Amino acid sequence: MNNPMNISAFIQHVRQGNNHGPISFIRGQTTNEVETNRTAIVPIATTNNLTRAVGLITCASVIYVSTAPNALAIAYVHHANAGYLAPQDIIDAGNALGSPPWNTILVIFAHPKATDKWYADSITRLIAQGIPNTNIVEIENLITGCYGINNLGQIG
């Protein structure tokens, strides 16, 4: 899967059991670099924008979108230091999306290391907030130090 894939389609793809092989990657110039402990809002619109969490060594790129009909047409990107998500980080993401129902939020949690207790604990906090585990995709062992989303909702 070298071609860019929309975040919703990617999560559907994984739900169907297609969870092995190459991941989606977006080619092109990064227009917004998100550094450690920073966040960015990416409008889903016609204006070109490729926002990536950069410098991922042990950190995670956490991308949130909502499928709720009245949710804001945005993605929220968080560069989580060492993959740690505090409960307030998750609440901030929900607020940035326009406070949609938690069960409508899709999350990509991408990091360059193998899954460990710290990453798993952050995913547990996402679930505890009300995001269904079927709406969360963890991507481990990234071969690049960046991961993000573009204005078309494509991840990579």
N, C-alpha and C. Protein backbone atom coordinates (compact mmCIF):
# COMPACT_ATOMS: atom_id res chain seq x y z
N MET A 1 0.84 -1.18 0.00
CA MET A 1 0.00 0.00 0.00
C MET A 1 0.89 1.24 0.00
N ASN A 2 1.59 1.47 -1.07
CA ASN A 2 2.47 2.63 -1.15
C ASN A 2 1.73 3.90 -1.51
N ASN A 3 0.55 3.76 -2.10
CA ASN A 3 -0.22 4.94 -2.48
C ASN A 3 -0.89 5.53 -1.26
N PRO A 4 -1.06 6.85 -1.25
CA PRO A 4 -1.74 7.47 -0.11
C PRO A 4 -3.16 6.91 0.04
N MET A 5 -3.58 6.75 1.28
CA MET A 5 -4.92 6.26 1.55
C MET A 5 -5.59 7.18 2.55
N ASN A 6 -6.85 7.47 2.31
CA ASN A 6 -7.65 8.27 3.21
C ASN A 6 -7.71 7.58 4.58
N ILE A 7 -7.70 8.37 5.65
CA ILE A 7 -7.67 7.81 7.00
C ILE A 7 -8.86 6.89 7.26
N SER A 8 -10.06 7.27 6.82
CA SER A 8 -11.24 6.43 7.03
C SER A 8 -11.11 5.10 6.29
N ALA A 9 -10.65 5.17 5.04
CA ALA A 9 -10.48 3.95 4.25
C ALA A 9 -9.41 3.06 4.86
N PHE A 10 -8.34 3.67 5.38
CA PHE A 10 -7.27 2.89 6.00
C PHE A 10 -7.78 2.13 7.22
N ILE A 11 -8.55 2.81 8.06
CA ILE A 11 -9.07 2.14 9.26
C ILE A 11 -10.02 1.02 8.85
N GLN A 12 -10.86 1.24 7.84
CA GLN A 12 -11.73 0.17 7.32
C GLN A 12 -10.90 -1.00 6.82
N HIS A 13 -9.82 -0.70 6.11
CA HIS A 13 -8.92 -1.71 5.57
C HIS A 13 -8.36 -2.59 6.70
N VAL A 14 -7.94 -1.97 7.78
CA VAL A 14 -7.39 -2.70 8.92
C VAL A 14 -8.48 -3.49 9.63
N ARG A 15 -9.67 -2.91 9.78
CA ARG A 15 -10.79 -3.61 10.41
C ARG A 15 -11.11 -4.92 9.68
N GLN A 16 -10.88 -4.94 8.38
CA GLN A 16 -11.17 -6.12 7.57
C GLN A 16 -10.06 -7.17 7.66
N GLY A 17 -9.09 -6.93 8.54
CA GLY A 17 -8.03 -7.90 8.76
C GLY A 17 -6.79 -7.69 7.91
N ASN A 18 -6.74 -6.62 7.17
CA ASN A 18 -5.58 -6.31 6.33
C ASN A 18 -4.59 -5.48 7.13
N ASN A 19 -3.92 -6.13 8.07
CA ASN A 19 -3.05 -5.38 8.98
C ASN A 19 -1.58 -5.75 8.85
N HIS A 20 -1.19 -6.23 7.68
CA HIS A 20 0.22 -6.53 7.44
C HIS A 20 0.63 -5.91 6.10
N GLY A 21 1.90 -5.66 5.97
CA GLY A 21 2.42 -5.14 4.71
C GLY A 21 2.74 -3.67 4.79
N PRO A 22 3.11 -3.10 3.66
CA PRO A 22 3.51 -1.70 3.63
C PRO A 22 2.35 -0.77 3.99
N ILE A 23 2.69 0.36 4.59
CA ILE A 23 1.67 1.33 4.96
C ILE A 23 1.64 2.45 3.94
N SER A 24 0.56 3.19 4.00
CA SER A 24 0.36 4.33 3.13
C SER A 24 1.46 5.37 3.38
N PHE A 25 1.95 5.96 2.31
CA PHE A 25 2.95 7.02 2.44
C PHE A 25 2.61 8.14 1.47
N ILE A 26 2.70 9.36 1.93
CA ILE A 26 2.40 10.53 1.10
C ILE A 26 3.71 11.13 0.63
N ARG A 27 3.84 11.25 -0.67
CA ARG A 27 5.00 11.94 -1.23
C ARG A 27 4.68 13.42 -1.31
N GLY A 28 5.72 14.22 -1.24
CA GLY A 28 5.49 15.65 -1.37
C GLY A 28 6.16 16.45 -0.27
N GLN A 29 6.14 17.72 -0.46
CA GLN A 29 6.77 18.65 0.46
C GLN A 29 5.92 18.84 1.71
N THR A 30 6.52 18.63 2.88
CA THR A 30 5.83 18.89 4.14
C THR A 30 5.65 20.40 4.27
N THR A 31 4.41 20.83 4.52
CA THR A 31 4.15 22.26 4.66
C THR A 31 4.07 22.69 6.12
N ASN A 32 3.89 21.72 7.02
CA ASN A 32 3.79 22.05 8.43
C ASN A 32 4.44 20.93 9.24
N GLU A 33 5.52 21.22 9.93
CA GLU A 33 6.22 20.25 10.76
C GLU A 33 5.79 20.43 12.21
N VAL A 34 5.35 19.33 12.82
CA VAL A 34 4.89 19.36 14.21
C VAL A 34 5.97 18.73 15.07
N GLU A 35 6.56 19.54 15.93
CA GLU A 35 7.65 19.06 16.79
C GLU A 35 7.10 18.52 18.11
N THR A 36 7.97 17.97 18.91
CA THR A 36 7.61 17.30 20.16
C THR A 36 6.70 18.16 21.04
N ASN A 37 5.64 17.52 21.53
CA ASN A 37 4.64 18.13 22.41
C ASN A 37 3.86 19.26 21.74
N ARG A 38 3.86 19.31 20.44
CA ARG A 38 3.10 20.33 19.69
C ARG A 38 1.94 19.67 18.98
N THR A 39 0.99 20.49 18.56
CA THR A 39 -0.17 20.01 17.82
C THR A 39 -0.41 20.91 16.62
N ALA A 40 -1.20 20.43 15.69
CA ALA A 40 -1.58 21.23 14.53
C ALA A 40 -2.95 20.81 14.05
N ILE A 41 -3.67 21.76 13.51
CA ILE A 41 -4.96 21.50 12.88
C ILE A 41 -4.77 21.53 11.38
N VAL A 42 -5.29 20.52 10.70
CA VAL A 42 -5.18 20.42 9.25
C VAL A 42 -6.58 20.51 8.66
N PRO A 43 -6.91 21.62 7.98
CA PRO A 43 -8.22 21.71 7.34
C PRO A 43 -8.33 20.70 6.20
N ILE A 44 -9.43 19.98 6.15
CA ILE A 44 -9.71 19.10 5.03
C ILE A 44 -10.36 20.02 3.99
N ALA A 45 -9.58 20.39 2.99
CA ALA A 45 -9.99 21.44 2.04
C ALA A 45 -9.17 21.31 0.76
N THR A 46 -9.36 22.25 -0.14
CA THR A 46 -8.65 22.20 -1.42
C THR A 46 -7.26 22.82 -1.35
N THR A 47 -6.97 23.59 -0.31
CA THR A 47 -5.66 24.20 -0.17
C THR A 47 -4.64 23.14 0.23
N ASN A 48 -3.55 23.02 -0.54
CA ASN A 48 -2.52 22.02 -0.25
C ASN A 48 -1.95 22.20 1.15
N ASN A 49 -1.87 21.10 1.86
CA ASN A 49 -1.30 21.11 3.20
C ASN A 49 -0.87 19.67 3.50
N LEU A 50 0.35 19.50 3.90
CA LEU A 50 0.86 18.21 4.36
C LEU A 50 1.52 18.46 5.71
N THR A 51 0.87 18.01 6.74
CA THR A 51 1.33 18.22 8.11
C THR A 51 1.82 16.90 8.66
N ARG A 52 3.05 16.92 9.17
CA ARG A 52 3.64 15.71 9.72
C ARG A 52 4.28 16.00 11.08
N ALA A 53 4.11 15.04 12.00
CA ALA A 53 4.92 15.04 13.22
C ALA A 53 6.31 14.58 12.77
N VAL A 54 7.32 15.36 13.11
CA VAL A 54 8.68 15.07 12.63
C VAL A 54 9.61 14.78 13.80
N GLY A 55 10.72 14.12 13.49
CA GLY A 55 11.71 13.80 14.52
C GLY A 55 11.25 12.69 15.44
N LEU A 56 10.44 11.78 14.89
CA LEU A 56 9.95 10.67 15.71
C LEU A 56 11.09 9.68 15.95
N ILE A 57 11.48 9.52 17.19
CA ILE A 57 12.48 8.53 17.58
C ILE A 57 11.79 7.52 18.51
N THR A 58 11.28 8.02 19.63
CA THR A 58 10.43 7.19 20.49
C THR A 58 9.02 7.78 20.55
N CYS A 59 8.85 8.95 19.96
CA CYS A 59 7.57 9.66 20.01
C CYS A 59 6.54 9.02 19.08
N ALA A 60 5.31 9.50 19.18
CA ALA A 60 4.23 9.01 18.32
C ALA A 60 3.56 10.18 17.62
N SER A 61 3.18 9.95 16.38
CA SER A 61 2.32 10.86 15.65
C SER A 61 0.90 10.35 15.86
N VAL A 62 0.08 11.18 16.49
CA VAL A 62 -1.30 10.79 16.79
C VAL A 62 -2.21 11.70 15.97
N ILE A 63 -2.99 11.07 15.09
CA ILE A 63 -3.86 11.82 14.17
C ILE A 63 -5.30 11.49 14.50
N TYR A 64 -6.10 12.53 14.69
CA TYR A 64 -7.51 12.39 15.03
C TYR A 64 -8.37 13.03 13.95
N VAL A 65 -9.46 12.39 13.58
CA VAL A 65 -10.52 12.97 12.75
C VAL A 65 -11.84 12.45 13.29
N SER A 66 -12.94 13.09 12.91
CA SER A 66 -14.25 12.61 13.32
C SER A 66 -15.12 12.35 12.10
N THR A 67 -15.95 11.33 12.20
CA THR A 67 -16.90 11.00 11.14
C THR A 67 -18.29 11.55 11.44
N ALA A 68 -18.44 12.29 12.53
CA ALA A 68 -19.75 12.86 12.88
C ALA A 68 -20.19 13.86 11.82
N PRO A 69 -21.47 13.85 11.45
CA PRO A 69 -21.95 14.75 10.40
C PRO A 69 -21.69 16.23 10.67
N ASN A 70 -21.72 16.64 11.93
CA ASN A 70 -21.53 18.06 12.25
C ASN A 70 -20.14 18.39 12.77
N ALA A 71 -19.22 17.43 12.69
CA ALA A 71 -17.85 17.68 13.15
C ALA A 71 -17.16 18.64 12.20
N LEU A 72 -16.18 19.33 12.72
CA LEU A 72 -15.38 20.21 11.87
C LEU A 72 -14.62 19.39 10.84
N ALA A 73 -14.46 19.92 9.65
CA ALA A 73 -13.74 19.23 8.57
C ALA A 73 -12.24 19.48 8.74
N ILE A 74 -11.70 18.85 9.78
CA ILE A 74 -10.28 19.02 10.10
C ILE A 74 -9.71 17.69 10.58
N ALA A 75 -8.40 17.64 10.58
CA ALA A 75 -7.66 16.59 11.28
C ALA A 75 -6.84 17.31 12.35
N TYR A 76 -6.56 16.60 13.42
CA TYR A 76 -5.77 17.14 14.52
C TYR A 76 -4.55 16.24 14.67
N VAL A 77 -3.36 16.83 14.59
CA VAL A 77 -2.12 16.07 14.67
C VAL A 77 -1.40 16.44 15.97
N HIS A 78 -1.02 15.42 16.73
CA HIS A 78 -0.31 15.63 17.99
C HIS A 78 0.99 14.83 17.96
N HIS A 79 2.11 15.50 18.23
CA HIS A 79 3.41 14.83 18.35
C HIS A 79 3.58 14.49 19.84
N ALA A 80 3.23 13.28 20.19
CA ALA A 80 3.22 12.85 21.59
C ALA A 80 4.62 12.40 22.02
N ASN A 81 5.19 13.11 22.97
CA ASN A 81 6.53 12.81 23.47
C ASN A 81 6.58 11.40 24.05
N ALA A 82 7.48 10.58 23.52
CA ALA A 82 7.64 9.18 23.93
C ALA A 82 6.34 8.39 23.79
N GLY A 83 5.41 8.90 22.98
CA GLY A 83 4.14 8.22 22.77
C GLY A 83 3.15 8.40 23.91
N TYR A 84 3.45 9.30 24.85
CA TYR A 84 2.60 9.48 26.03
C TYR A 84 1.44 10.43 25.72
N LEU A 85 0.22 9.94 25.94
CA LEU A 85 -0.98 10.77 25.85
C LEU A 85 -1.57 10.92 27.25
N ALA A 86 -1.60 12.14 27.74
CA ALA A 86 -2.29 12.41 29.00
C ALA A 86 -3.78 12.51 28.71
N PRO A 87 -4.63 12.25 29.68
CA PRO A 87 -6.07 12.41 29.45
C PRO A 87 -6.42 13.78 28.86
N GLN A 88 -5.74 14.83 29.33
CA GLN A 88 -6.04 16.18 28.82
C GLN A 88 -5.67 16.32 27.34
N ASP A 89 -4.62 15.63 26.89
CA ASP A 89 -4.26 15.66 25.47
C ASP A 89 -5.41 15.14 24.61
N ILE A 90 -6.06 14.09 25.08
CA ILE A 90 -7.16 13.48 24.34
C ILE A 90 -8.37 14.41 24.36
N ILE A 91 -8.65 15.01 25.49
CA ILE A 91 -9.75 15.98 25.60
C ILE A 91 -9.49 17.16 24.68
N ASP A 92 -8.25 17.66 24.65
CA ASP A 92 -7.90 18.78 23.76
C ASP A 92 -8.15 18.42 22.30
N ALA A 93 -7.82 17.19 21.92
CA ALA A 93 -8.06 16.75 20.54
C ALA A 93 -9.56 16.76 20.23
N GLY A 94 -10.36 16.22 21.15
CA GLY A 94 -11.81 16.21 20.94
C GLY A 94 -12.37 17.62 20.83
N ASN A 95 -11.89 18.52 21.67
CA ASN A 95 -12.33 19.92 21.59
C ASN A 95 -11.94 20.55 20.26
N ALA A 96 -10.73 20.27 19.79
CA ALA A 96 -10.28 20.83 18.51
C ALA A 96 -11.14 20.35 17.36
N LEU A 97 -11.66 19.13 17.46
CA LEU A 97 -12.52 18.58 16.41
C LEU A 97 -13.95 19.10 16.49
N GLY A 98 -14.23 19.93 17.48
CA GLY A 98 -15.57 20.49 17.63
C GLY A 98 -16.43 19.71 18.61
N SER A 99 -15.80 18.93 19.48
CA SER A 99 -16.48 18.14 20.51
C SER A 99 -17.52 17.17 19.94
N PRO A 100 -17.14 16.37 18.94
CA PRO A 100 -18.08 15.37 18.42
C PRO A 100 -18.22 14.22 19.41
N PRO A 101 -19.20 13.35 19.23
CA PRO A 101 -19.28 12.16 20.10
C PRO A 101 -17.97 11.37 20.00
N TRP A 102 -17.50 10.89 21.14
CA TRP A 102 -16.21 10.18 21.17
C TRP A 102 -16.20 8.96 20.26
N ASN A 103 -17.36 8.31 20.11
CA ASN A 103 -17.39 7.10 19.29
C ASN A 103 -17.32 7.37 17.79
N THR A 104 -17.26 8.65 17.41
CA THR A 104 -17.11 9.01 15.98
C THR A 104 -15.68 9.40 15.64
N ILE A 105 -14.79 9.37 16.61
CA ILE A 105 -13.41 9.79 16.39
C ILE A 105 -12.57 8.61 15.93
N LEU A 106 -11.80 8.84 14.86
CA LEU A 106 -10.84 7.86 14.34
C LEU A 106 -9.45 8.33 14.74
N VAL A 107 -8.58 7.40 15.12
CA VAL A 107 -7.23 7.75 15.56
C VAL A 107 -6.20 6.85 14.91
N ILE A 108 -5.15 7.47 14.39
CA ILE A 108 -3.94 6.75 13.97
C ILE A 108 -2.88 7.06 15.01
N PHE A 109 -2.25 6.03 15.55
CA PHE A 109 -1.21 6.16 16.57
C PHE A 109 0.04 5.50 15.98
N ALA A 110 0.92 6.31 15.37
CA ALA A 110 2.06 5.78 14.62
C ALA A 110 3.37 6.12 15.32
N HIS A 111 4.26 5.11 15.41
CA HIS A 111 5.53 5.32 16.10
C HIS A 111 6.61 4.41 15.51
N PRO A 112 7.89 4.78 15.70
CA PRO A 112 8.97 4.03 15.06
C PRO A 112 9.48 2.82 15.85
N LYS A 113 8.96 2.58 17.01
CA LYS A 113 9.42 1.45 17.83
C LYS A 113 8.34 0.36 17.85
N ALA A 114 8.70 -0.80 18.37
CA ALA A 114 7.71 -1.85 18.59
C ALA A 114 6.78 -1.42 19.73
N THR A 115 5.60 -1.98 19.76
CA THR A 115 4.66 -1.67 20.84
C THR A 115 5.28 -2.03 22.18
N ASP A 116 5.06 -1.17 23.15
CA ASP A 116 5.49 -1.45 24.52
C ASP A 116 4.43 -0.97 25.49
N LYS A 117 4.69 -1.10 26.77
CA LYS A 117 3.72 -0.73 27.80
C LYS A 117 3.30 0.73 27.70
N TRP A 118 4.23 1.63 27.40
CA TRP A 118 3.92 3.07 27.37
C TRP A 118 2.99 3.40 26.21
N TYR A 119 3.26 2.85 25.04
CA TYR A 119 2.36 3.06 23.91
C TYR A 119 0.99 2.46 24.21
N ALA A 120 0.99 1.24 24.74
CA ALA A 120 -0.27 0.55 25.06
C ALA A 120 -1.09 1.33 26.09
N ASP A 121 -0.42 1.92 27.08
CA ASP A 121 -1.13 2.71 28.09
C ASP A 121 -1.80 3.93 27.45
N SER A 122 -1.14 4.56 26.49
CA SER A 122 -1.75 5.71 25.82
C SER A 122 -2.98 5.28 25.03
N ILE A 123 -2.90 4.15 24.37
CA ILE A 123 -4.05 3.65 23.62
C ILE A 123 -5.19 3.29 24.57
N THR A 124 -4.85 2.75 25.73
CA THR A 124 -5.86 2.45 26.75
C THR A 124 -6.57 3.73 27.19
N ARG A 125 -5.83 4.83 27.32
CA ARG A 125 -6.44 6.11 27.70
C ARG A 125 -7.38 6.62 26.61
N LEU A 126 -7.05 6.39 25.33
CA LEU A 126 -7.96 6.77 24.24
C LEU A 126 -9.28 6.01 24.38
N ILE A 127 -9.17 4.72 24.64
CA ILE A 127 -10.36 3.88 24.79
C ILE A 127 -11.17 4.29 26.02
N ALA A 128 -10.47 4.60 27.12
CA ALA A 128 -11.15 5.02 28.35
C ALA A 128 -11.93 6.32 28.15
N GLN A 129 -11.47 7.15 27.22
CA GLN A 129 -12.16 8.41 26.94
C GLN A 129 -13.45 8.17 26.14
N GLY A 130 -13.56 6.99 25.52
CA GLY A 130 -14.78 6.67 24.77
C GLY A 130 -14.57 6.41 23.30
N ILE A 131 -13.32 6.43 22.85
CA ILE A 131 -13.02 6.13 21.46
C ILE A 131 -12.97 4.60 21.33
N PRO A 132 -13.83 4.02 20.49
CA PRO A 132 -13.82 2.55 20.38
C PRO A 132 -12.47 2.03 19.88
N ASN A 133 -12.06 0.88 20.41
CA ASN A 133 -10.76 0.33 19.99
C ASN A 133 -10.76 0.02 18.49
N THR A 134 -11.94 -0.22 17.90
CA THR A 134 -12.00 -0.46 16.45
C THR A 134 -11.80 0.82 15.64
N ASN A 135 -11.79 1.97 16.30
CA ASN A 135 -11.55 3.25 15.63
C ASN A 135 -10.10 3.70 15.79
N ILE A 136 -9.27 2.87 16.40
CA ILE A 136 -7.87 3.21 16.66
C ILE A 136 -6.99 2.22 15.92
N VAL A 137 -6.05 2.76 15.13
CA VAL A 137 -5.07 1.90 14.47
C VAL A 137 -3.69 2.31 14.95
N GLU A 138 -2.99 1.34 15.51
CA GLU A 138 -1.60 1.56 15.91
C GLU A 138 -0.70 1.11 14.77
N ILE A 139 0.19 1.97 14.36
CA ILE A 139 1.20 1.64 13.36
C ILE A 139 2.53 1.66 14.08
N GLU A 140 3.16 0.51 14.17
CA GLU A 140 4.45 0.44 14.86
C GLU A 140 5.58 0.22 13.86
N ASN A 141 6.79 0.42 14.33
CA ASN A 141 8.00 0.20 13.54
C ASN A 141 8.04 1.02 12.25
N LEU A 142 7.65 2.29 12.35
CA LEU A 142 7.77 3.18 11.19
C LEU A 142 9.21 3.16 10.70
N ILE A 143 9.40 3.20 9.42
CA ILE A 143 10.77 3.23 8.88
C ILE A 143 11.21 4.65 8.57
N THR A 144 10.37 5.60 8.90
CA THR A 144 10.70 7.00 8.71
C THR A 144 10.44 7.75 10.01
N GLY A 145 11.07 8.87 10.19
CA GLY A 145 10.94 9.64 11.42
C GLY A 145 9.82 10.67 11.38
N CYS A 146 8.86 10.48 10.48
CA CYS A 146 7.74 11.41 10.41
C CYS A 146 6.49 10.67 9.95
N TYR A 147 5.33 11.22 10.31
CA TYR A 147 4.06 10.66 9.88
C TYR A 147 3.00 11.73 10.04
N GLY A 148 2.08 11.80 9.07
CA GLY A 148 1.07 12.85 9.15
C GLY A 148 -0.10 12.64 8.22
N ILE A 149 -0.74 13.76 7.88
CA ILE A 149 -1.96 13.76 7.08
C ILE A 149 -1.97 15.00 6.19
N ASN A 150 -2.61 14.86 5.03
CA ASN A 150 -2.70 16.02 4.14
C ASN A 150 -4.12 16.57 4.11
N ASN A 151 -4.32 17.61 3.32
CA ASN A 151 -5.60 18.30 3.24
C ASN A 151 -6.71 17.44 2.63
N LEU A 152 -6.35 16.31 2.02
CA LEU A 152 -7.34 15.39 1.45
C LEU A 152 -7.70 14.27 2.42
N GLY A 153 -7.11 14.32 3.63
CA GLY A 153 -7.37 13.28 4.61
C GLY A 153 -6.56 12.03 4.40
N GLN A 154 -5.54 12.11 3.53
CA GLN A 154 -4.68 10.97 3.26
C GLN A 154 -3.54 10.95 4.28
N ILE A 155 -3.25 9.74 4.78
CA ILE A 155 -2.22 9.62 5.81
C ILE A 155 -0.94 9.05 5.24
N GLY A 156 0.16 9.33 5.91
CA GLY A 156 1.44 8.77 5.50
C GLY A 156 2.60 9.55 6.03
